[in-house]
Amino acid sequence: MTFLRWNPFRNLNWQPPFFDDYFEPLACGCNTAERFMPVVDAIENEEEYTLKVELPGMGKKDIKVDIDGDVLTISGEHRSEERKAGESMLIAERHYGPFARKIRLPNAADLAKADAQHADGVLTIRLPKKEEAKPYKKELTIT
């Protein structure tokens, strides 16, 4: 699997000016250094690929998953909580706003059988492998 548009300066507050054109932000209309970007674990076994995406505090209605060709796009909006009257923010380290994460999928994935589940702040996407991509195993009887 290939993760698209990785930006090594994403978590920095400063980005060298000569990288401005090369590391362009994803089409989410937000600043790269201040954008929420979910982390992803990609797991492979003989039967399937599994992606686990951390989306804390987000519900199913805030998340969109699309497959276009061989690119999986996970997008949505991480909304901020409303403060009650008389409250003031002392520390604000969490990022809010729209996000998009694109992942190039391997040719061995059977995209028609892909499925997604969301529970406890983790989006799990399962992509079964095509039959021809699974390892062939057979025990031969010696005659």
N, C-alpha and C. Protein backbone atom coordinates (compact mmCIF):
# COMPACT_ATOMS: atom_id res chain seq x y z
N MET A 1 0.85 -1.18 0.00
CA MET A 1 0.00 0.00 0.00
C MET A 1 0.89 1.24 0.00
N THR A 2 0.46 2.23 -0.70
CA THR A 2 1.20 3.48 -0.76
C THR A 2 0.36 4.58 -0.17
N PHE A 3 0.90 5.32 0.79
CA PHE A 3 0.21 6.45 1.37
C PHE A 3 0.59 7.67 0.54
N LEU A 4 -0.40 8.38 0.01
CA LEU A 4 -0.13 9.49 -0.89
C LEU A 4 0.16 10.78 -0.15
N ARG A 5 0.98 11.62 -0.76
CA ARG A 5 1.25 12.99 -0.33
C ARG A 5 1.71 13.09 1.12
N TRP A 6 2.70 12.30 1.48
CA TRP A 6 3.27 12.39 2.81
C TRP A 6 4.06 13.68 2.90
N ASN A 7 3.87 14.42 3.96
CA ASN A 7 4.54 15.69 4.14
C ASN A 7 5.34 15.64 5.43
N PRO A 8 6.68 15.56 5.35
CA PRO A 8 7.49 15.46 6.57
C PRO A 8 7.42 16.72 7.42
N PHE A 9 6.94 17.81 6.87
CA PHE A 9 6.86 19.07 7.62
C PHE A 9 5.47 19.29 8.20
N ARG A 10 4.55 18.28 8.05
CA ARG A 10 3.17 18.44 8.47
C ARG A 10 3.03 18.85 9.92
N ASN A 11 3.82 18.28 10.81
CA ASN A 11 3.68 18.55 12.23
C ASN A 11 4.55 19.71 12.71
N LEU A 12 5.24 20.34 11.80
CA LEU A 12 6.06 21.49 12.16
C LEU A 12 5.27 22.78 11.95
N ASN A 13 5.60 23.80 12.70
CA ASN A 13 4.93 25.09 12.52
C ASN A 13 5.62 25.92 11.43
N TRP A 14 6.75 25.44 10.95
CA TRP A 14 7.48 26.16 9.92
C TRP A 14 7.79 25.20 8.79
N GLN A 15 7.66 25.68 7.55
CA GLN A 15 7.95 24.87 6.39
C GLN A 15 8.87 25.67 5.48
N PRO A 16 10.01 25.09 5.05
CA PRO A 16 10.91 25.83 4.17
C PRO A 16 10.20 26.30 2.91
N PRO A 17 10.42 27.56 2.49
CA PRO A 17 9.69 28.10 1.35
C PRO A 17 9.91 27.36 0.05
N PHE A 18 11.08 26.69 -0.13
CA PHE A 18 11.33 26.02 -1.39
C PHE A 18 10.51 24.74 -1.53
N PHE A 19 9.82 24.27 -0.47
CA PHE A 19 8.96 23.11 -0.55
C PHE A 19 7.50 23.49 -0.77
N ASP A 20 7.17 24.76 -0.85
CA ASP A 20 5.77 25.20 -0.93
C ASP A 20 5.01 24.53 -2.06
N ASP A 21 5.61 24.41 -3.24
CA ASP A 21 4.90 23.85 -4.38
C ASP A 21 4.89 22.32 -4.36
N TYR A 22 5.95 21.69 -3.82
CA TYR A 22 6.05 20.25 -3.86
C TYR A 22 5.11 19.58 -2.86
N PHE A 23 5.09 20.04 -1.63
CA PHE A 23 4.24 19.46 -0.59
C PHE A 23 2.96 20.27 -0.47
N GLU A 24 2.14 20.23 -1.51
CA GLU A 24 0.90 21.00 -1.47
C GLU A 24 -0.11 20.30 -0.57
N PRO A 25 -0.96 21.07 0.12
CA PRO A 25 -1.97 20.44 0.98
C PRO A 25 -2.98 19.66 0.16
N LEU A 26 -3.60 18.66 0.78
CA LEU A 26 -4.66 17.93 0.10
C LEU A 26 -5.83 18.87 -0.14
N ALA A 27 -6.73 18.48 -0.99
CA ALA A 27 -7.85 19.35 -1.34
C ALA A 27 -8.86 19.44 -0.20
N CYS A 28 -8.45 20.03 0.91
CA CYS A 28 -9.39 20.17 2.02
C CYS A 28 -9.53 21.63 2.41
N GLY A 29 -8.79 22.53 1.77
CA GLY A 29 -8.92 23.95 2.01
C GLY A 29 -8.42 24.39 3.37
N CYS A 30 -7.42 23.71 3.90
CA CYS A 30 -6.91 24.08 5.21
C CYS A 30 -5.39 24.05 5.22
N ASN A 31 -4.80 24.71 6.17
CA ASN A 31 -3.36 24.82 6.31
C ASN A 31 -2.79 23.46 6.72
N THR A 32 -1.72 23.02 6.05
CA THR A 32 -1.13 21.72 6.33
C THR A 32 -0.68 21.58 7.78
N ALA A 33 -0.06 22.61 8.34
CA ALA A 33 0.49 22.51 9.69
C ALA A 33 -0.60 22.51 10.76
N GLU A 34 -1.80 22.96 10.43
CA GLU A 34 -2.86 23.07 11.42
C GLU A 34 -4.01 22.11 11.17
N ARG A 35 -3.86 21.21 10.25
CA ARG A 35 -4.93 20.32 9.84
C ARG A 35 -4.92 19.03 10.66
N PHE A 36 -6.09 18.51 10.98
CA PHE A 36 -6.22 17.21 11.63
C PHE A 36 -5.91 16.14 10.61
N MET A 37 -5.04 15.21 10.94
CA MET A 37 -4.70 14.12 10.03
C MET A 37 -4.75 12.82 10.81
N PRO A 38 -5.72 11.95 10.53
CA PRO A 38 -5.82 10.69 11.27
C PRO A 38 -4.64 9.78 10.97
N VAL A 39 -4.23 9.02 11.98
CA VAL A 39 -3.15 8.05 11.80
C VAL A 39 -3.75 6.72 11.36
N VAL A 40 -2.97 5.97 10.57
CA VAL A 40 -3.46 4.73 9.97
C VAL A 40 -2.47 3.60 10.23
N ASP A 41 -2.99 2.43 10.59
CA ASP A 41 -2.20 1.20 10.62
C ASP A 41 -2.67 0.35 9.45
N ALA A 42 -1.75 -0.19 8.66
CA ALA A 42 -2.09 -1.08 7.55
C ALA A 42 -1.54 -2.46 7.87
N ILE A 43 -2.42 -3.46 7.85
CA ILE A 43 -2.06 -4.83 8.22
C ILE A 43 -2.40 -5.75 7.06
N GLU A 44 -1.53 -6.71 6.80
CA GLU A 44 -1.78 -7.68 5.72
C GLU A 44 -1.63 -9.09 6.28
N ASN A 45 -2.55 -9.97 5.87
CA ASN A 45 -2.39 -11.39 6.12
C ASN A 45 -2.71 -12.12 4.82
N GLU A 46 -2.79 -13.45 4.86
CA GLU A 46 -3.02 -14.21 3.63
C GLU A 46 -4.38 -13.96 3.00
N GLU A 47 -5.36 -13.56 3.81
CA GLU A 47 -6.73 -13.42 3.33
C GLU A 47 -7.12 -11.99 2.95
N GLU A 48 -6.56 -10.98 3.65
CA GLU A 48 -7.04 -9.62 3.45
C GLU A 48 -6.03 -8.57 3.89
N TYR A 49 -6.34 -7.32 3.51
CA TYR A 49 -5.66 -6.14 4.01
C TYR A 49 -6.62 -5.48 4.99
N THR A 50 -6.10 -4.97 6.09
CA THR A 50 -6.93 -4.28 7.07
C THR A 50 -6.31 -2.93 7.37
N LEU A 51 -7.12 -1.88 7.32
CA LEU A 51 -6.68 -0.54 7.69
C LEU A 51 -7.41 -0.15 8.95
N LYS A 52 -6.67 0.34 9.94
CA LYS A 52 -7.27 0.84 11.17
C LYS A 52 -6.92 2.32 11.27
N VAL A 53 -7.96 3.15 11.29
CA VAL A 53 -7.81 4.60 11.26
C VAL A 53 -8.34 5.18 12.57
N GLU A 54 -7.50 5.93 13.28
CA GLU A 54 -7.92 6.54 14.53
C GLU A 54 -8.68 7.83 14.24
N LEU A 55 -9.94 7.86 14.69
CA LEU A 55 -10.79 9.03 14.51
C LEU A 55 -11.51 9.31 15.84
N PRO A 56 -10.75 9.73 16.85
CA PRO A 56 -11.34 9.91 18.18
C PRO A 56 -12.40 11.01 18.20
N GLY A 57 -13.48 10.72 18.90
CA GLY A 57 -14.54 11.70 19.06
C GLY A 57 -15.39 11.93 17.83
N MET A 58 -15.22 11.12 16.80
CA MET A 58 -15.99 11.31 15.57
C MET A 58 -17.02 10.20 15.42
N GLY A 59 -18.19 10.57 14.92
CA GLY A 59 -19.25 9.61 14.65
C GLY A 59 -19.28 9.22 13.18
N LYS A 60 -20.09 8.22 12.86
CA LYS A 60 -20.20 7.76 11.48
C LYS A 60 -20.61 8.87 10.53
N LYS A 61 -21.45 9.79 11.01
CA LYS A 61 -21.95 10.87 10.13
C LYS A 61 -20.86 11.87 9.77
N ASP A 62 -19.75 11.88 10.50
CA ASP A 62 -18.66 12.82 10.23
C ASP A 62 -17.61 12.24 9.29
N ILE A 63 -17.74 10.98 8.90
CA ILE A 63 -16.70 10.28 8.13
C ILE A 63 -17.25 9.82 6.79
N LYS A 64 -16.42 9.95 5.74
CA LYS A 64 -16.79 9.48 4.40
C LYS A 64 -15.64 8.64 3.87
N VAL A 65 -15.95 7.47 3.33
CA VAL A 65 -14.94 6.58 2.76
C VAL A 65 -15.32 6.32 1.31
N ASP A 66 -14.39 6.60 0.39
CA ASP A 66 -14.62 6.39 -1.05
C ASP A 66 -13.46 5.62 -1.65
N ILE A 67 -13.77 4.81 -2.66
CA ILE A 67 -12.73 4.16 -3.47
C ILE A 67 -12.93 4.64 -4.89
N ASP A 68 -11.88 5.22 -5.46
CA ASP A 68 -11.90 5.71 -6.84
C ASP A 68 -10.69 5.12 -7.55
N GLY A 69 -10.94 4.16 -8.42
CA GLY A 69 -9.82 3.46 -9.05
C GLY A 69 -9.09 2.65 -7.99
N ASP A 70 -7.79 2.92 -7.81
CA ASP A 70 -7.02 2.20 -6.80
C ASP A 70 -6.68 3.10 -5.60
N VAL A 71 -7.43 4.19 -5.43
CA VAL A 71 -7.18 5.12 -4.33
C VAL A 71 -8.36 5.14 -3.36
N LEU A 72 -8.05 4.86 -2.10
CA LEU A 72 -9.03 4.93 -1.03
C LEU A 72 -8.92 6.30 -0.37
N THR A 73 -10.02 7.01 -0.24
CA THR A 73 -10.01 8.32 0.40
C THR A 73 -10.88 8.27 1.64
N ILE A 74 -10.28 8.66 2.76
CA ILE A 74 -11.00 8.78 4.02
C ILE A 74 -11.06 10.27 4.31
N SER A 75 -12.26 10.82 4.38
CA SER A 75 -12.39 12.26 4.58
C SER A 75 -13.51 12.55 5.56
N GLY A 76 -13.58 13.78 5.97
CA GLY A 76 -14.64 14.18 6.88
C GLY A 76 -14.29 15.48 7.56
N GLU A 77 -14.94 15.72 8.68
CA GLU A 77 -14.67 16.93 9.43
C GLU A 77 -14.62 16.61 10.91
N HIS A 78 -13.54 17.01 11.54
CA HIS A 78 -13.37 16.86 12.99
C HIS A 78 -13.90 18.14 13.62
N ARG A 79 -15.08 18.06 14.22
CA ARG A 79 -15.75 19.26 14.74
C ARG A 79 -15.32 19.55 16.17
N SER A 80 -15.21 20.83 16.48
CA SER A 80 -14.86 21.24 17.83
C SER A 80 -16.10 21.20 18.72
N GLU A 81 -15.86 21.06 20.01
CA GLU A 81 -16.96 21.03 20.96
C GLU A 81 -17.35 22.47 21.30
N GLU A 82 -18.63 22.67 21.54
CA GLU A 82 -19.08 23.99 21.92
C GLU A 82 -18.81 24.22 23.40
N ARG A 83 -18.34 25.42 23.72
CA ARG A 83 -18.06 25.76 25.12
C ARG A 83 -19.29 26.41 25.75
N LYS A 84 -19.44 26.16 27.01
CA LYS A 84 -20.54 26.76 27.76
C LYS A 84 -20.19 28.20 28.11
N ALA A 85 -21.20 28.98 28.39
CA ALA A 85 -20.98 30.38 28.78
C ALA A 85 -20.11 30.42 30.03
N GLY A 86 -19.14 31.30 30.02
CA GLY A 86 -18.25 31.46 31.16
C GLY A 86 -16.99 30.59 31.09
N GLU A 87 -16.91 29.68 30.10
CA GLU A 87 -15.71 28.85 29.95
C GLU A 87 -14.72 29.55 29.02
N SER A 88 -13.46 29.39 29.33
CA SER A 88 -12.42 29.90 28.43
C SER A 88 -11.39 28.81 28.22
N MET A 89 -10.80 28.77 27.04
CA MET A 89 -9.84 27.74 26.68
C MET A 89 -8.49 28.08 27.30
N LEU A 90 -7.93 27.16 28.06
CA LEU A 90 -6.61 27.36 28.67
C LEU A 90 -5.51 26.78 27.78
N ILE A 91 -5.76 25.58 27.26
CA ILE A 91 -4.81 24.93 26.36
C ILE A 91 -5.62 24.32 25.22
N ALA A 92 -5.18 24.52 23.99
CA ALA A 92 -5.87 23.94 22.83
C ALA A 92 -4.83 23.24 21.96
N GLU A 93 -4.71 21.91 22.09
CA GLU A 93 -3.75 21.15 21.33
C GLU A 93 -4.40 20.25 20.27
N ARG A 94 -5.69 20.03 20.37
CA ARG A 94 -6.36 19.18 19.40
C ARG A 94 -6.67 20.00 18.15
N HIS A 95 -6.62 19.34 16.99
CA HIS A 95 -6.87 20.02 15.72
C HIS A 95 -8.28 19.71 15.25
N TYR A 96 -8.93 20.69 14.68
CA TYR A 96 -10.29 20.55 14.18
C TYR A 96 -10.35 21.01 12.74
N GLY A 97 -11.39 20.61 12.06
CA GLY A 97 -11.61 21.04 10.70
C GLY A 97 -11.67 19.86 9.75
N PRO A 98 -11.79 20.15 8.47
CA PRO A 98 -11.88 19.10 7.46
C PRO A 98 -10.55 18.38 7.30
N PHE A 99 -10.62 17.11 6.87
CA PHE A 99 -9.41 16.34 6.62
C PHE A 99 -9.66 15.39 5.46
N ALA A 100 -8.58 14.92 4.88
CA ALA A 100 -8.65 13.89 3.83
C ALA A 100 -7.36 13.10 3.88
N ARG A 101 -7.48 11.80 3.83
CA ARG A 101 -6.31 10.93 3.81
C ARG A 101 -6.49 9.98 2.65
N LYS A 102 -5.49 9.93 1.75
CA LYS A 102 -5.57 9.09 0.56
C LYS A 102 -4.55 7.98 0.66
N ILE A 103 -4.99 6.77 0.29
CA ILE A 103 -4.13 5.60 0.35
C ILE A 103 -4.27 4.84 -0.95
N ARG A 104 -3.13 4.59 -1.62
CA ARG A 104 -3.16 3.81 -2.86
C ARG A 104 -3.26 2.34 -2.47
N LEU A 105 -4.23 1.64 -3.06
CA LEU A 105 -4.49 0.25 -2.73
C LEU A 105 -3.74 -0.70 -3.65
N PRO A 106 -3.34 -1.85 -3.14
CA PRO A 106 -2.63 -2.82 -3.99
C PRO A 106 -3.58 -3.47 -4.99
N ASN A 107 -3.02 -3.94 -6.11
CA ASN A 107 -3.83 -4.59 -7.15
C ASN A 107 -4.48 -5.87 -6.66
N ALA A 108 -3.91 -6.50 -5.63
CA ALA A 108 -4.42 -7.77 -5.13
C ALA A 108 -5.71 -7.60 -4.33
N ALA A 109 -6.09 -6.38 -3.96
CA ALA A 109 -7.30 -6.15 -3.16
C ALA A 109 -8.55 -6.28 -4.02
N ASP A 110 -9.54 -7.00 -3.50
CA ASP A 110 -10.83 -7.15 -4.18
C ASP A 110 -11.72 -6.00 -3.70
N LEU A 111 -11.69 -4.89 -4.43
CA LEU A 111 -12.35 -3.66 -4.00
C LEU A 111 -13.87 -3.80 -3.93
N ALA A 112 -14.44 -4.69 -4.71
CA ALA A 112 -15.89 -4.88 -4.69
C ALA A 112 -16.38 -5.47 -3.37
N LYS A 113 -15.50 -6.12 -2.64
CA LYS A 113 -15.88 -6.75 -1.37
C LYS A 113 -15.39 -5.96 -0.15
N ALA A 114 -14.94 -4.74 -0.36
CA ALA A 114 -14.44 -3.92 0.75
C ALA A 114 -15.57 -3.59 1.71
N ASP A 115 -15.23 -3.49 2.99
CA ASP A 115 -16.24 -3.11 3.97
C ASP A 115 -15.60 -2.28 5.08
N ALA A 116 -16.41 -1.42 5.70
CA ALA A 116 -15.90 -0.52 6.74
C ALA A 116 -16.81 -0.58 7.96
N GLN A 117 -16.17 -0.53 9.14
CA GLN A 117 -16.90 -0.51 10.41
C GLN A 117 -16.29 0.56 11.29
N HIS A 118 -17.11 1.18 12.12
CA HIS A 118 -16.64 2.23 13.02
C HIS A 118 -17.09 1.90 14.44
N ALA A 119 -16.13 1.81 15.35
CA ALA A 119 -16.45 1.53 16.76
C ALA A 119 -15.36 2.09 17.65
N ASP A 120 -15.75 2.71 18.74
CA ASP A 120 -14.82 3.22 19.75
C ASP A 120 -13.74 4.12 19.18
N GLY A 121 -14.09 4.96 18.23
CA GLY A 121 -13.14 5.92 17.67
C GLY A 121 -12.16 5.34 16.68
N VAL A 122 -12.37 4.10 16.24
CA VAL A 122 -11.48 3.47 15.26
C VAL A 122 -12.32 3.00 14.07
N LEU A 123 -11.93 3.47 12.88
CA LEU A 123 -12.54 3.04 11.63
C LEU A 123 -11.72 1.86 11.11
N THR A 124 -12.36 0.71 10.91
CA THR A 124 -11.67 -0.47 10.40
C THR A 124 -12.18 -0.76 9.00
N ILE A 125 -11.26 -0.78 8.03
CA ILE A 125 -11.60 -1.05 6.64
C ILE A 125 -10.96 -2.37 6.26
N ARG A 126 -11.78 -3.31 5.80
CA ARG A 126 -11.28 -4.62 5.40
C ARG A 126 -11.36 -4.74 3.89
N LEU A 127 -10.25 -5.15 3.29
CA LEU A 127 -10.17 -5.33 1.84
C LEU A 127 -9.71 -6.76 1.57
N PRO A 128 -10.64 -7.68 1.28
CA PRO A 128 -10.24 -9.05 0.99
C PRO A 128 -9.34 -9.11 -0.24
N LYS A 129 -8.47 -10.11 -0.27
CA LYS A 129 -7.61 -10.29 -1.44
C LYS A 129 -8.36 -11.08 -2.50
N LYS A 130 -8.02 -10.81 -3.76
CA LYS A 130 -8.57 -11.58 -4.87
C LYS A 130 -8.09 -13.02 -4.74
N GLU A 131 -8.90 -13.95 -5.20
CA GLU A 131 -8.55 -15.37 -5.08
C GLU A 131 -7.20 -15.68 -5.73
N GLU A 132 -6.94 -15.08 -6.89
CA GLU A 132 -5.68 -15.37 -7.58
C GLU A 132 -4.47 -14.77 -6.86
N ALA A 133 -4.70 -13.85 -5.94
CA ALA A 133 -3.60 -13.24 -5.20
C ALA A 133 -3.26 -13.99 -3.92
N LYS A 134 -4.17 -14.86 -3.49
CA LYS A 134 -3.92 -15.62 -2.26
C LYS A 134 -2.89 -16.71 -2.54
N PRO A 135 -2.06 -17.03 -1.57
CA PRO A 135 -1.06 -18.08 -1.78
C PRO A 135 -1.72 -19.43 -2.05
N TYR A 136 -1.18 -20.13 -3.00
CA TYR A 136 -1.72 -21.45 -3.34
C TYR A 136 -1.05 -22.48 -2.45
N LYS A 137 -1.86 -23.28 -1.78
CA LYS A 137 -1.34 -24.33 -0.92
C LYS A 137 -2.08 -25.64 -1.24
N LYS A 138 -1.30 -26.70 -1.36
CA LYS A 138 -1.90 -28.00 -1.58
C LYS A 138 -0.91 -29.06 -1.12
N GLU A 139 -1.40 -30.03 -0.38
CA GLU A 139 -0.56 -31.12 0.05
C GLU A 139 -0.77 -32.28 -0.94
N LEU A 140 0.32 -32.73 -1.50
CA LEU A 140 0.22 -33.80 -2.50
C LEU A 140 0.30 -35.17 -1.84
N THR A 141 -0.48 -36.08 -2.34
CA THR A 141 -0.41 -37.47 -1.87
C THR A 141 0.59 -38.20 -2.74
N ILE A 142 1.51 -38.84 -2.10
CA ILE A 142 2.56 -39.57 -2.83
C ILE A 142 2.01 -40.97 -3.16
N THR A 143 2.08 -41.31 -4.43
CA THR A 143 1.58 -42.64 -4.83
C THR A 143 2.69 -43.54 -5.24
